[in-house]
């Protein structure tokens, strides 16, 4: 059955003629929102893993991580093409000379067909973007989380929406594709504010998006707040409804990189349904079918001005 949204997986199949797999990499970066440059607490929802899947250990060098990833995915899925995905913490948080050394080492195998770099809007500049633009099929994954400055301040993000807009403009000027990370259900944000964020990103014509449900993890600052005074989080049904609202507003050609995840079992406090990845994705499909809509259905209506 054809999806009601344009998945990143489908985009890659169209571009490369076969399924492409991401190899998650940890280059041992830190984050200015953790090391005291901006703050020492980090974003309130981020735990000690820095949003990393921990698929590999940073004790391994990048070439070893790439080799391990290729060997594992090839044996398990018959994979033949891969994207080097720098996921943990802030992957542009180093001098450009050091970044070049790290990124170069990811292309140690001809099966690596692209690079994806997760970072913050306040940790990129023209020199770093000039470097990234030189690589094959570069993607920049920019953590934004919300377009509302009041929310960004509340979650201790350390930058504002205007900082994101500046970084986004610089990346697009260099032909780098940008995937924006957003968190749904942040404190103080109702459905109207979330839809406003969707409209803003739709008007920018973003290349890709990752949607995350606000999650309370054991080692994150949010856990202390939640334990002291539990607050209401989206149910699975509420989350899936607002995901569909969001996607309906986005352009039809924006690639959807993530709508649901799993793997939080060891540190998860709430919501308990978050690990039901396939149930969540199936519910999103069902809602689109019930509505008789799809990604982009409301784009021209919502963003005509």
Protein backbone atom coordinates (compact mmCIF):
# COMPACT_ATOMS: atom_id res chain seq x y z
CA UNK A 1 0.00 0.00 0.00
CA UNK A 2 1.33 3.40 -0.95
CA UNK A 3 1.98 5.68 2.00
CA UNK A 4 0.14 8.97 2.44
CA UNK A 5 3.51 10.66 2.99
CA UNK A 6 6.84 10.83 1.16
CA UNK A 7 9.23 8.75 3.23
CA UNK A 8 12.97 9.32 3.17
CA UNK A 9 13.35 5.63 2.35
CA UNK A 10 11.29 6.10 -0.82
CA UNK A 11 13.31 9.18 -1.74
CA UNK A 12 16.56 7.21 -1.44
CA UNK A 13 15.19 4.32 -3.51
CA UNK A 14 14.23 6.77 -6.25
CA UNK A 15 17.65 8.41 -6.15
CA UNK A 16 19.88 5.34 -5.89
CA UNK A 17 17.70 2.62 -7.41
CA UNK A 18 17.70 0.50 -4.25
CA UNK A 19 17.23 0.70 -0.51
CA UNK A 20 19.91 2.73 1.27
CA UNK A 21 20.75 2.21 4.94
CA UNK A 22 22.06 4.66 7.52
CA UNK A 23 25.09 3.77 9.63
CA UNK A 24 24.90 5.65 12.92
CA UNK A 25 28.27 7.03 14.02
CA UNK A 26 29.63 8.52 17.22
CA UNK A 27 32.67 10.74 16.70
CA UNK A 28 32.95 11.66 20.37
CA UNK A 29 31.61 15.20 20.01
CA UNK A 30 30.24 17.21 22.92
CA UNK A 31 27.58 19.92 22.94
CA UNK A 32 27.89 23.63 23.83
CA UNK A 33 24.62 23.33 25.73
CA UNK A 34 26.26 20.77 28.01
CA UNK A 35 29.92 21.73 28.36
CA UNK A 36 29.26 25.19 29.83
CA UNK A 37 29.73 27.23 26.65
CA UNK A 38 25.99 27.96 26.58
CA UNK A 39 24.73 25.87 29.49
CA UNK A 40 25.71 22.83 31.51
CA UNK A 41 22.23 21.33 31.75
CA UNK A 42 21.43 20.69 28.11
CA UNK A 43 17.94 20.70 26.65
CA UNK A 44 15.45 19.53 29.27
CA UNK A 45 14.46 16.42 27.29
CA UNK A 46 17.99 15.25 26.34
CA UNK A 47 19.58 12.45 28.36
CA UNK A 48 23.21 11.43 28.69
CA UNK A 49 23.24 9.61 25.34
CA UNK A 50 22.82 12.87 23.40
CA UNK A 51 20.05 11.39 21.23
CA UNK A 52 22.36 8.60 20.12
CA UNK A 53 21.14 5.06 19.52
CA UNK A 54 24.36 3.63 21.00
CA UNK A 55 24.63 1.28 18.07
CA UNK A 56 28.40 1.57 18.25
CA UNK A 57 30.88 2.63 20.88
CA UNK A 58 32.82 5.86 20.51
CA UNK A 59 35.80 3.78 21.64
CA UNK A 60 35.93 2.64 18.00
CA UNK A 61 37.32 5.02 15.41
CA UNK A 62 35.05 6.15 12.58
CA UNK A 63 36.48 3.72 10.02
CA UNK A 64 35.89 0.82 12.40
CA UNK A 65 32.33 1.98 13.08
CA UNK A 66 31.68 2.23 9.34
CA UNK A 67 33.10 -1.24 8.72
CA UNK A 68 31.04 -2.71 11.56
CA UNK A 69 27.91 -1.02 10.26
CA UNK A 70 28.43 -2.20 6.69
CA UNK A 71 29.19 -5.77 7.77
CA UNK A 72 26.17 -5.95 10.08
CA UNK A 73 23.63 -4.43 7.68
CA UNK A 74 24.96 -6.36 4.70
CA UNK A 75 24.62 -9.68 6.51
CA UNK A 76 21.21 -8.87 7.97
CA UNK A 77 19.50 -7.14 5.03
CA UNK A 78 21.75 -7.66 2.02
CA UNK A 79 22.41 -3.92 2.07
CA UNK A 80 24.72 -2.50 -0.58
CA UNK A 81 24.57 1.29 -0.19
CA UNK A 82 24.91 3.38 2.95
CA UNK A 83 24.78 6.88 4.38
CA UNK A 84 27.24 7.82 7.12
CA UNK A 85 25.07 9.36 9.85
CA UNK A 86 26.82 11.40 12.53
CA UNK A 87 24.13 11.31 15.19
CA UNK A 88 25.45 11.74 18.73
CA UNK A 89 25.50 15.24 20.23
CA UNK A 90 26.64 18.18 18.04
CA UNK A 91 28.59 16.96 15.02
CA UNK A 92 29.95 20.30 13.84
CA UNK A 93 31.24 21.30 17.25
CA UNK A 94 34.96 21.32 16.43
CA UNK A 95 37.44 23.29 14.28
CA UNK A 96 36.93 22.77 10.56
CA UNK A 97 40.27 20.96 10.21
CA UNK A 98 39.16 18.36 12.75
CA UNK A 99 35.76 18.04 11.09
CA UNK A 100 37.39 17.37 7.72
CA UNK A 101 39.48 14.58 9.20
CA UNK A 102 36.41 12.99 10.78
CA UNK A 103 34.09 13.33 7.77
CA UNK A 104 36.77 12.14 5.35
CA UNK A 105 37.22 8.96 7.39
CA UNK A 106 33.51 8.12 6.94
CA UNK A 107 34.06 7.73 3.19
CA UNK A 108 36.47 4.85 3.71
CA UNK A 109 34.33 2.49 1.66
CA UNK A 110 32.89 3.01 -1.83
CA UNK A 111 29.52 1.79 -0.56
CA UNK A 112 29.12 5.05 1.40
CA UNK A 113 27.00 7.18 -0.95
CA UNK A 114 26.24 10.15 1.28
CA UNK A 115 26.67 11.84 4.63
CA UNK A 116 24.15 13.10 7.18
CA UNK A 117 25.31 15.37 10.00
CA UNK A 118 23.23 16.08 13.08
CA UNK A 119 23.95 19.44 14.70
CA UNK A 120 22.62 22.67 16.19
CA UNK A 121 21.89 25.87 14.25
CA UNK A 122 24.32 27.81 16.44
CA UNK A 123 27.23 25.44 15.69
CA UNK A 124 27.61 25.95 11.96
CA UNK A 125 29.17 28.74 9.95
CA UNK A 126 30.14 29.42 6.34
CA UNK A 127 33.51 27.66 6.59
CA UNK A 128 31.99 24.48 8.03
CA UNK A 129 29.17 24.50 5.49
CA UNK A 130 31.66 24.97 2.64
CA UNK A 131 33.37 21.79 3.86
CA UNK A 132 30.12 19.81 4.14
CA UNK A 133 29.01 20.91 0.66
CA UNK A 134 32.08 19.18 -0.83
CA UNK A 135 30.91 15.69 0.13
CA UNK A 136 28.66 13.36 -1.85
CA UNK A 137 24.94 13.85 -1.18
CA UNK A 138 25.26 15.92 2.02
CA UNK A 139 22.38 16.28 4.46
CA UNK A 140 22.39 18.55 7.49
CA UNK A 141 20.06 17.51 10.31
CA UNK A 142 19.27 20.67 12.25
CA UNK A 143 17.76 20.36 15.71
CA UNK A 144 15.12 23.07 15.99
CA UNK A 145 12.39 21.41 18.13
CA UNK A 146 10.05 24.44 17.97
CA UNK A 147 9.71 27.64 15.96
CA UNK A 148 8.48 29.52 19.04
CA UNK A 149 11.12 31.43 21.00
CA UNK A 150 9.19 31.24 24.25
CA UNK A 151 9.22 27.46 24.00
CA UNK A 152 12.91 27.35 23.03
CA UNK A 153 13.75 29.36 26.12
CA UNK A 154 11.56 27.16 28.30
CA UNK A 155 13.29 23.97 27.17
CA UNK A 156 16.76 25.54 27.60
CA UNK A 157 17.54 25.15 23.91
CA UNK A 158 20.19 27.89 23.92
CA UNK A 159 19.30 29.49 20.56
CA UNK A 160 16.29 31.16 18.99
CA UNK A 161 14.29 30.63 15.80
CA UNK A 162 16.13 33.43 14.04
CA UNK A 163 19.41 31.57 14.57
CA UNK A 164 17.89 28.57 12.81
CA UNK A 165 16.66 30.70 9.89
CA UNK A 166 20.16 32.14 9.40
CA UNK A 167 21.81 28.69 9.45
CA UNK A 168 19.15 27.24 7.17
CA UNK A 169 19.71 30.02 4.62
CA UNK A 170 23.49 29.47 4.63
CA UNK A 171 23.07 25.72 4.11
CA UNK A 172 20.59 26.10 1.26
CA UNK A 173 22.82 28.63 -0.49
CA UNK A 174 25.42 25.85 -0.73
CA UNK A 175 23.04 23.20 -2.02
CA UNK A 176 23.03 21.23 1.23
CA UNK A 177 19.76 19.45 1.95
CA UNK A 178 18.33 20.17 5.39
CA UNK A 179 16.27 17.87 7.61
CA UNK A 180 14.64 19.69 10.53
CA UNK A 181 14.04 17.99 13.89
CA UNK A 182 10.86 18.96 15.74
CA UNK A 183 9.46 17.77 19.09
CA UNK A 184 5.69 17.60 19.47
CA UNK A 185 4.07 18.03 22.88
CA UNK A 186 6.59 20.46 24.37
CA UNK A 187 5.49 22.29 27.55
CA UNK A 188 3.07 25.12 26.77
CA UNK A 189 2.57 24.17 23.11
CA UNK A 190 -0.98 23.36 22.04
CA UNK A 191 -2.10 22.11 18.64
CA UNK A 192 -2.46 25.64 17.27
CA UNK A 193 1.17 26.47 18.07
CA UNK A 194 2.32 23.18 16.54
CA UNK A 195 0.37 23.95 13.37
CA UNK A 196 2.00 27.40 13.27
CA UNK A 197 5.40 25.70 13.31
CA UNK A 198 4.30 23.42 10.48
CA UNK A 199 3.21 26.43 8.40
CA UNK A 200 6.51 28.24 8.98
CA UNK A 201 8.55 25.23 7.91
CA UNK A 202 6.26 24.58 4.95
CA UNK A 203 6.80 28.10 3.66
CA UNK A 204 10.55 27.56 3.90
CA UNK A 205 10.20 24.50 1.68
CA UNK A 206 12.31 22.30 3.96
CA UNK A 207 13.87 19.22 2.36
CA UNK A 208 13.11 16.84 5.19
CA UNK A 209 11.72 16.52 8.69
CA UNK A 210 11.96 14.29 11.74
CA UNK A 211 9.06 14.45 14.17
CA UNK A 212 9.59 13.31 17.74
CA UNK A 213 7.16 12.86 20.60
CA UNK A 214 8.24 14.59 23.82
CA UNK A 215 9.67 11.81 25.95
CA UNK A 216 10.62 11.79 29.62
CA UNK A 217 13.86 9.86 30.08
CA UNK A 218 15.46 8.93 33.38
CA UNK A 219 18.69 10.94 33.00
CA UNK A 220 17.13 14.03 31.41
CA UNK A 221 16.40 17.25 33.37
CA UNK A 222 12.73 16.86 32.40
CA UNK A 223 12.54 13.75 34.58
CA UNK A 224 12.96 15.79 37.77
CA UNK A 225 10.18 18.14 36.70
CA UNK A 226 7.90 15.27 35.76
CA UNK A 227 8.48 13.31 38.98
CA UNK A 228 7.85 16.38 41.12
CA UNK A 229 4.70 17.42 39.29
CA UNK A 230 3.58 15.02 36.52
CA UNK A 231 2.19 16.82 33.49
CA UNK A 232 -0.02 15.54 30.70
CA UNK A 233 1.66 14.07 27.63
CA UNK A 234 0.04 13.25 24.31
CA UNK A 235 -1.63 9.85 24.09
CA UNK A 236 -0.68 7.79 21.05
CA UNK A 237 -3.96 8.79 19.40
CA UNK A 238 -3.39 12.51 20.08
CA UNK A 239 0.18 12.33 18.82
CA UNK A 240 -0.81 10.56 15.60
CA UNK A 241 -3.60 13.07 14.95
CA UNK A 242 -1.24 16.05 15.27
CA UNK A 243 1.39 14.27 13.13
CA UNK A 244 -1.20 13.99 10.36
CA UNK A 245 -2.13 17.67 10.84
CA UNK A 246 1.55 18.57 10.51
CA UNK A 247 2.17 16.48 7.40
CA UNK A 248 -0.93 17.78 5.65
CA UNK A 249 0.53 21.29 5.87
CA UNK A 250 4.02 20.38 4.59
CA UNK A 251 4.85 20.43 0.85
CA UNK A 252 4.31 17.07 -0.89
CA UNK A 253 8.04 16.81 -1.74
CA UNK A 254 9.36 17.23 1.82
CA UNK A 255 10.92 13.91 2.80
CA UNK A 256 9.69 12.37 6.05
CA UNK A 257 12.66 10.88 7.91
CA UNK A 258 11.02 9.85 11.17
CA UNK A 259 7.57 9.78 12.75
CA UNK A 260 8.00 7.19 15.49
CA UNK A 261 10.85 5.50 17.32
CA UNK A 262 11.70 2.80 19.81
CA UNK A 263 14.49 1.65 22.08
CA UNK A 264 13.74 3.77 25.14
CA UNK A 265 12.89 0.85 27.43
CA UNK A 266 15.86 1.12 29.80
CA UNK A 267 15.46 4.81 30.65
CA UNK A 268 11.87 5.53 29.66
CA UNK A 269 9.57 7.10 32.24
CA UNK A 270 6.76 8.34 29.96
CA UNK A 271 4.85 7.99 27.72
CA UNK A 272 4.84 4.20 27.90
CA UNK A 273 3.41 3.78 24.39
CA UNK A 274 6.43 5.40 22.72
CA UNK A 275 8.13 2.05 22.03
CA UNK A 276 5.15 0.80 19.99
CA UNK A 277 6.71 2.03 16.75
CA UNK A 278 4.76 -0.03 14.25
CA UNK A 279 1.46 0.45 16.05
CA UNK A 280 2.08 4.20 15.95
CA UNK A 281 2.93 4.19 12.24
CA UNK A 282 -0.11 2.02 11.46
CA UNK A 283 -2.37 4.42 13.34
CA UNK A 284 -0.98 7.34 11.32
CA UNK A 285 -1.79 5.41 8.15
CA UNK A 286 -5.30 4.69 9.41
CA UNK A 287 -5.96 8.35 10.25
CA UNK A 288 -4.92 9.46 6.77
CA UNK A 289 -7.22 6.82 5.25
CA UNK A 290 -10.11 7.92 7.47
CA UNK A 291 -9.54 11.59 6.62
CA UNK A 292 -9.00 10.82 2.92
CA UNK A 293 -6.00 13.15 2.99
CA UNK A 294 -2.24 12.89 2.55
CA UNK A 295 0.94 14.89 3.00
CA UNK A 296 0.51 18.25 1.30
CA UNK A 297 -3.30 18.14 1.21
CA UNK A 298 -3.49 21.46 3.00
CA UNK A 299 -0.23 23.00 1.80
CA UNK A 300 -1.62 25.34 -0.85
CA UNK A 301 -4.58 26.32 1.32
CA UNK A 302 -2.54 26.94 4.50
CA UNK A 303 0.54 28.49 2.88
CA UNK A 304 -0.87 30.32 -0.16
CA UNK A 305 0.15 33.69 1.22
